Amino acid sequence: MTPTSWEWVREFPRVIEEEIRQFALTIGDNNPIHHDSKAARDRGLRDVVAPGVMVVGYLSSTIADEIPGVLVTEINRLQFKNPLYAGVSPVVHCAREHSHGHFVRMRFEIYGNSDSLLASGFCTLALP
């Protein structure tokens, strides 16, 4: 199965602070910057921030919605540029770089409210 378009943009609902805290608790991430506003501010942040794996989850969800049954086999050159705060609506941009058989290399960027780059990199997909 191949998607009808190889360039996708998906906007997610605004993240709320409780979602950040609950996600961190669910994965056992006890870093105080994900739970405690004061601890986050003491480290130069505006408030609690989402764990990196939560940010990458938006990418995974976008890809799975476009190609049900796909496997993300690699994520390369992942760079976190800015933190994801509550009140922000993540926006994922994906574009195909190249294909070889059942494998596709995608470039991705994840923005906050369409203007602040949160993360970028490349991923390899194994098509169903």
N, C-alpha and C. Protein backbone atom coordinates (compact mmCIF):
# COMPACT_ATOMS: atom_id res chain seq x y z
N MET A 1 0.84 -1.18 0.00
CA MET A 1 0.00 0.00 0.00
C MET A 1 0.88 1.24 0.00
N THR A 2 0.57 2.19 -0.84
CA THR A 2 1.29 3.46 -0.85
C THR A 2 0.28 4.59 -0.72
N PRO A 3 0.64 5.64 -0.03
CA PRO A 3 -0.29 6.76 0.13
C PRO A 3 -0.51 7.50 -1.19
N THR A 4 -1.62 8.20 -1.28
CA THR A 4 -1.91 8.94 -2.51
C THR A 4 -1.00 10.15 -2.64
N SER A 5 -0.53 10.69 -1.54
CA SER A 5 0.39 11.83 -1.56
C SER A 5 1.56 11.51 -0.63
N TRP A 6 2.73 11.92 -0.99
CA TRP A 6 3.90 11.67 -0.14
C TRP A 6 4.31 12.90 0.66
N GLU A 7 3.45 13.89 0.73
CA GLU A 7 3.69 15.04 1.60
C GLU A 7 2.46 15.23 2.46
N TRP A 8 2.67 15.24 3.77
CA TRP A 8 1.56 15.30 4.71
C TRP A 8 1.79 16.41 5.72
N VAL A 9 0.71 17.01 6.14
CA VAL A 9 0.73 17.95 7.25
C VAL A 9 -0.45 17.59 8.13
N ARG A 10 -0.19 17.44 9.41
CA ARG A 10 -1.26 17.12 10.35
C ARG A 10 -1.12 17.99 11.58
N GLU A 11 -2.21 18.64 11.94
CA GLU A 11 -2.23 19.47 13.15
C GLU A 11 -2.99 18.73 14.24
N PHE A 12 -2.43 18.74 15.42
CA PHE A 12 -3.03 18.08 16.58
C PHE A 12 -3.68 19.13 17.49
N PRO A 13 -4.60 18.68 18.34
CA PRO A 13 -5.22 19.62 19.30
C PRO A 13 -4.17 20.17 20.27
N ARG A 14 -4.52 21.28 20.87
CA ARG A 14 -3.63 21.89 21.88
C ARG A 14 -3.32 20.90 22.99
N VAL A 15 -2.07 20.88 23.38
CA VAL A 15 -1.62 20.05 24.49
C VAL A 15 -1.98 20.76 25.79
N ILE A 16 -2.51 20.02 26.73
CA ILE A 16 -2.79 20.61 28.03
C ILE A 16 -1.75 20.10 29.04
N GLU A 17 -1.52 20.89 30.06
CA GLU A 17 -0.48 20.58 31.03
C GLU A 17 -0.67 19.21 31.67
N GLU A 18 -1.90 18.87 31.99
CA GLU A 18 -2.16 17.58 32.63
C GLU A 18 -1.78 16.42 31.70
N GLU A 19 -1.95 16.58 30.38
CA GLU A 19 -1.53 15.54 29.43
C GLU A 19 -0.02 15.31 29.50
N ILE A 20 0.73 16.39 29.61
CA ILE A 20 2.19 16.28 29.72
C ILE A 20 2.56 15.50 30.96
N ARG A 21 1.97 15.89 32.09
CA ARG A 21 2.29 15.20 33.35
C ARG A 21 1.87 13.72 33.29
N GLN A 22 0.68 13.44 32.78
CA GLN A 22 0.19 12.07 32.71
C GLN A 22 1.04 11.21 31.77
N PHE A 23 1.42 11.77 30.63
CA PHE A 23 2.26 11.03 29.70
C PHE A 23 3.58 10.66 30.37
N ALA A 24 4.21 11.63 31.01
CA ALA A 24 5.48 11.38 31.69
C ALA A 24 5.33 10.30 32.76
N LEU A 25 4.26 10.37 33.54
CA LEU A 25 4.01 9.35 34.56
C LEU A 25 3.81 7.97 33.93
N THR A 26 3.07 7.92 32.83
CA THR A 26 2.78 6.65 32.18
C THR A 26 4.04 5.95 31.70
N ILE A 27 5.00 6.71 31.20
CA ILE A 27 6.23 6.09 30.71
C ILE A 27 7.32 6.02 31.79
N GLY A 28 7.00 6.45 33.01
CA GLY A 28 7.95 6.37 34.11
C GLY A 28 9.05 7.41 34.05
N ASP A 29 8.80 8.54 33.38
CA ASP A 29 9.78 9.61 33.28
C ASP A 29 9.58 10.55 34.47
N ASN A 30 10.49 10.48 35.42
CA ASN A 30 10.38 11.26 36.65
C ASN A 30 11.14 12.57 36.62
N ASN A 31 11.64 12.96 35.46
CA ASN A 31 12.35 14.24 35.35
C ASN A 31 11.41 15.35 35.79
N PRO A 32 11.81 16.15 36.77
CA PRO A 32 10.90 17.16 37.30
C PRO A 32 10.47 18.23 36.28
N ILE A 33 11.18 18.40 35.18
CA ILE A 33 10.76 19.40 34.19
C ILE A 33 9.46 19.01 33.49
N HIS A 34 9.04 17.74 33.64
CA HIS A 34 7.78 17.28 33.06
C HIS A 34 6.63 17.30 34.06
N HIS A 35 6.93 17.59 35.32
CA HIS A 35 5.92 17.49 36.39
C HIS A 35 5.77 18.75 37.23
N ASP A 36 6.85 19.47 37.41
CA ASP A 36 6.90 20.55 38.39
C ASP A 36 7.24 21.88 37.70
N SER A 37 6.30 22.80 37.73
CA SER A 37 6.50 24.11 37.08
C SER A 37 7.71 24.84 37.63
N LYS A 38 7.87 24.84 38.94
CA LYS A 38 9.00 25.55 39.55
C LYS A 38 10.33 24.92 39.11
N ALA A 39 10.40 23.60 39.11
CA ALA A 39 11.63 22.92 38.68
C ALA A 39 11.94 23.26 37.22
N ALA A 40 10.92 23.31 36.39
CA ALA A 40 11.14 23.66 34.99
C ALA A 40 11.64 25.10 34.86
N ARG A 41 11.01 26.03 35.58
CA ARG A 41 11.45 27.44 35.53
C ARG A 41 12.86 27.60 36.08
N ASP A 42 13.20 26.83 37.10
CA ASP A 42 14.55 26.89 37.66
C ASP A 42 15.61 26.46 36.64
N ARG A 43 15.19 25.72 35.63
CA ARG A 43 16.11 25.25 34.59
C ARG A 43 16.01 26.11 33.33
N GLY A 44 15.35 27.27 33.44
CA GLY A 44 15.29 28.20 32.32
C GLY A 44 14.13 27.99 31.37
N LEU A 45 13.20 27.12 31.70
CA LEU A 45 12.04 26.86 30.86
C LEU A 45 10.87 27.73 31.34
N ARG A 46 9.87 27.92 30.47
CA ARG A 46 8.69 28.72 30.85
C ARG A 46 7.79 27.98 31.83
N ASP A 47 7.71 26.67 31.66
CA ASP A 47 6.82 25.83 32.48
C ASP A 47 7.17 24.38 32.17
N VAL A 48 6.34 23.43 32.64
CA VAL A 48 6.62 22.03 32.35
C VAL A 48 6.66 21.82 30.84
N VAL A 49 7.48 20.87 30.41
CA VAL A 49 7.62 20.56 28.98
C VAL A 49 7.33 19.09 28.74
N ALA A 50 6.87 18.79 27.55
CA ALA A 50 6.58 17.40 27.17
C ALA A 50 7.88 16.61 27.02
N PRO A 51 7.86 15.33 27.41
CA PRO A 51 9.02 14.47 27.14
C PRO A 51 9.25 14.35 25.63
N GLY A 52 10.48 14.16 25.24
CA GLY A 52 10.80 14.04 23.81
C GLY A 52 10.03 12.92 23.14
N VAL A 53 9.84 11.80 23.83
CA VAL A 53 9.12 10.69 23.23
C VAL A 53 7.66 11.05 22.96
N MET A 54 7.10 11.98 23.71
CA MET A 54 5.74 12.44 23.42
C MET A 54 5.71 13.23 22.12
N VAL A 55 6.73 14.04 21.90
CA VAL A 55 6.84 14.81 20.66
C VAL A 55 6.96 13.86 19.47
N VAL A 56 7.80 12.84 19.60
CA VAL A 56 7.98 11.87 18.52
C VAL A 56 6.70 11.06 18.31
N GLY A 57 5.90 10.89 19.33
CA GLY A 57 4.62 10.19 19.20
C GLY A 57 3.70 10.86 18.19
N TYR A 58 3.77 12.18 18.09
CA TYR A 58 2.96 12.87 17.09
C TYR A 58 3.39 12.48 15.67
N LEU A 59 4.68 12.30 15.47
CA LEU A 59 5.18 11.83 14.18
C LEU A 59 4.66 10.43 13.89
N SER A 60 4.80 9.53 14.84
CA SER A 60 4.36 8.16 14.66
C SER A 60 2.87 8.09 14.34
N SER A 61 2.08 8.87 15.03
CA SER A 61 0.64 8.90 14.79
C SER A 61 0.31 9.40 13.39
N THR A 62 1.01 10.42 12.95
CA THR A 62 0.80 10.97 11.61
C THR A 62 1.09 9.93 10.54
N ILE A 63 2.22 9.24 10.68
CA ILE A 63 2.60 8.23 9.70
C ILE A 63 1.60 7.07 9.70
N ALA A 64 1.21 6.61 10.88
CA ALA A 64 0.27 5.48 10.97
C ALA A 64 -1.09 5.83 10.39
N ASP A 65 -1.51 7.08 10.52
CA ASP A 65 -2.78 7.50 9.93
C ASP A 65 -2.72 7.50 8.41
N GLU A 66 -1.57 7.87 7.86
CA GLU A 66 -1.42 7.92 6.41
C GLU A 66 -1.22 6.54 5.79
N ILE A 67 -0.51 5.66 6.50
CA ILE A 67 -0.20 4.33 5.97
C ILE A 67 -0.48 3.29 7.08
N PRO A 68 -1.71 2.86 7.24
CA PRO A 68 -2.01 1.86 8.27
C PRO A 68 -1.16 0.60 8.07
N GLY A 69 -0.61 0.09 9.16
CA GLY A 69 0.21 -1.11 9.10
C GLY A 69 1.68 -0.87 8.83
N VAL A 70 2.07 0.38 8.63
CA VAL A 70 3.47 0.71 8.37
C VAL A 70 4.31 0.47 9.63
N LEU A 71 5.59 0.18 9.43
CA LEU A 71 6.54 0.09 10.53
C LEU A 71 7.57 1.20 10.38
N VAL A 72 7.79 1.95 11.45
CA VAL A 72 8.89 2.91 11.47
C VAL A 72 10.10 2.13 11.95
N THR A 73 11.06 1.91 11.05
CA THR A 73 12.21 1.06 11.39
C THR A 73 13.40 1.83 11.93
N GLU A 74 13.49 3.12 11.59
CA GLU A 74 14.60 3.95 12.08
C GLU A 74 14.14 5.40 12.18
N ILE A 75 14.71 6.09 13.14
CA ILE A 75 14.61 7.55 13.18
C ILE A 75 16.05 8.04 13.27
N ASN A 76 16.44 8.87 12.30
CA ASN A 76 17.83 9.33 12.21
C ASN A 76 17.90 10.85 12.33
N ARG A 77 19.03 11.28 12.84
CA ARG A 77 19.33 12.71 12.94
C ARG A 77 18.20 13.49 13.61
N LEU A 78 17.57 12.86 14.59
CA LEU A 78 16.53 13.53 15.36
C LEU A 78 17.16 14.65 16.17
N GLN A 79 16.65 15.85 15.97
CA GLN A 79 17.14 17.01 16.71
C GLN A 79 15.95 17.72 17.34
N PHE A 80 16.04 17.93 18.64
CA PHE A 80 15.02 18.71 19.34
C PHE A 80 15.51 20.16 19.36
N LYS A 81 14.69 21.05 18.83
CA LYS A 81 15.08 22.45 18.71
C LYS A 81 14.46 23.33 19.80
N ASN A 82 13.21 23.05 20.15
CA ASN A 82 12.49 23.83 21.16
C ASN A 82 11.59 22.89 21.94
N PRO A 83 11.28 23.24 23.19
CA PRO A 83 10.40 22.38 23.98
C PRO A 83 8.94 22.53 23.58
N LEU A 84 8.16 21.48 23.85
CA LEU A 84 6.72 21.51 23.65
C LEU A 84 6.07 21.84 24.98
N TYR A 85 5.39 22.99 25.02
CA TYR A 85 4.70 23.46 26.21
C TYR A 85 3.19 23.24 26.08
N ALA A 86 2.52 23.24 27.21
CA ALA A 86 1.05 23.22 27.22
C ALA A 86 0.55 24.45 26.47
N GLY A 87 -0.61 24.30 25.82
CA GLY A 87 -1.20 25.40 25.08
C GLY A 87 -0.78 25.46 23.63
N VAL A 88 0.12 24.57 23.24
CA VAL A 88 0.64 24.54 21.87
C VAL A 88 -0.05 23.42 21.10
N SER A 89 -0.32 23.66 19.82
CA SER A 89 -0.89 22.66 18.93
C SER A 89 0.22 22.12 18.02
N PRO A 90 0.73 20.92 18.27
CA PRO A 90 1.80 20.38 17.41
C PRO A 90 1.33 20.20 15.98
N VAL A 91 2.21 20.50 15.03
CA VAL A 91 1.93 20.33 13.61
C VAL A 91 3.09 19.53 13.01
N VAL A 92 2.74 18.39 12.39
CA VAL A 92 3.75 17.49 11.82
C VAL A 92 3.76 17.65 10.30
N HIS A 93 4.96 17.83 9.75
CA HIS A 93 5.17 17.89 8.30
C HIS A 93 6.05 16.71 7.92
N CYS A 94 5.62 15.93 6.94
CA CYS A 94 6.40 14.79 6.44
C CYS A 94 6.52 14.89 4.93
N ALA A 95 7.66 14.50 4.40
CA ALA A 95 7.85 14.47 2.95
C ALA A 95 8.80 13.33 2.60
N ARG A 96 8.47 12.61 1.53
CA ARG A 96 9.30 11.50 1.07
C ARG A 96 10.60 12.04 0.49
N GLU A 97 11.69 11.44 0.91
CA GLU A 97 13.01 11.74 0.35
C GLU A 97 13.29 10.80 -0.82
N HIS A 98 13.15 9.49 -0.58
CA HIS A 98 13.31 8.50 -1.65
C HIS A 98 12.74 7.15 -1.20
N SER A 99 12.57 6.26 -2.18
CA SER A 99 12.02 4.92 -1.93
C SER A 99 12.94 3.88 -2.54
N HIS A 100 12.92 2.70 -1.93
CA HIS A 100 13.62 1.54 -2.49
C HIS A 100 12.81 0.30 -2.10
N GLY A 101 12.09 -0.26 -3.07
CA GLY A 101 11.24 -1.40 -2.78
C GLY A 101 10.16 -1.02 -1.78
N HIS A 102 10.11 -1.75 -0.68
CA HIS A 102 9.10 -1.50 0.36
C HIS A 102 9.60 -0.54 1.44
N PHE A 103 10.72 0.11 1.20
CA PHE A 103 11.27 1.03 2.19
C PHE A 103 11.22 2.47 1.67
N VAL A 104 10.86 3.37 2.55
CA VAL A 104 10.75 4.79 2.20
C VAL A 104 11.49 5.59 3.26
N ARG A 105 12.28 6.54 2.80
CA ARG A 105 12.94 7.48 3.72
C ARG A 105 12.14 8.78 3.70
N MET A 106 11.72 9.20 4.90
CA MET A 106 10.91 10.42 5.05
C MET A 106 11.69 11.47 5.82
N ARG A 107 11.52 12.71 5.43
CA ARG A 107 12.02 13.87 6.19
C ARG A 107 10.84 14.37 7.01
N PHE A 108 11.07 14.78 8.24
CA PHE A 108 9.98 15.32 9.05
C PHE A 108 10.41 16.54 9.84
N GLU A 109 9.43 17.37 10.10
CA GLU A 109 9.58 18.52 10.98
C GLU A 109 8.33 18.59 11.84
N ILE A 110 8.51 18.87 13.10
CA ILE A 110 7.39 19.01 14.02
C ILE A 110 7.44 20.43 14.57
N TYR A 111 6.37 21.16 14.35
CA TYR A 111 6.28 22.55 14.77
C TYR A 111 5.30 22.69 15.92
N GLY A 112 5.45 23.77 16.65
CA GLY A 112 4.48 24.16 17.66
C GLY A 112 3.71 25.34 17.13
N ASN A 113 2.41 25.20 16.99
CA ASN A 113 1.55 26.25 16.45
C ASN A 113 2.02 26.73 15.08
N SER A 114 2.60 25.85 14.31
CA SER A 114 3.01 26.09 12.91
C SER A 114 4.19 27.03 12.74
N ASP A 115 4.76 27.55 13.81
CA ASP A 115 5.83 28.53 13.61
C ASP A 115 7.14 28.20 14.33
N SER A 116 7.10 27.53 15.44
CA SER A 116 8.30 27.23 16.21
C SER A 116 8.71 25.77 15.97
N LEU A 117 9.88 25.56 15.40
CA LEU A 117 10.35 24.20 15.13
C LEU A 117 10.67 23.50 16.46
N LEU A 118 9.98 22.38 16.70
CA LEU A 118 10.21 21.60 17.91
C LEU A 118 11.25 20.51 17.68
N ALA A 119 11.12 19.81 16.53
CA ALA A 119 12.02 18.69 16.24
C ALA A 119 12.07 18.45 14.74
N SER A 120 13.16 17.84 14.30
CA SER A 120 13.28 17.48 12.88
C SER A 120 14.18 16.27 12.76
N GLY A 121 14.14 15.65 11.59
CA GLY A 121 14.99 14.49 11.34
C GLY A 121 14.49 13.71 10.15
N PHE A 122 14.89 12.44 10.10
CA PHE A 122 14.53 11.53 9.02
C PHE A 122 14.07 10.22 9.64
N CYS A 123 13.21 9.51 8.93
CA CYS A 123 12.82 8.19 9.38
C CYS A 123 12.70 7.26 8.19
N THR A 124 12.89 5.98 8.45
CA THR A 124 12.73 4.95 7.44
C THR A 124 11.48 4.17 7.75
N LEU A 125 10.65 3.97 6.72
CA LEU A 125 9.41 3.24 6.88
C LEU A 125 9.48 1.93 6.10
N ALA A 126 8.95 0.86 6.68
CA ALA A 126 8.75 -0.40 5.97
C ALA A 126 7.27 -0.47 5.64
N LEU A 127 6.94 -0.38 4.35
CA LEU A 127 5.55 -0.36 3.93
C LEU A 127 4.92 -1.74 4.11
N PRO A 128 3.61 -1.78 4.39
CA PRO A 128 2.93 -3.07 4.58
C PRO A 128 2.85 -3.85 3.27
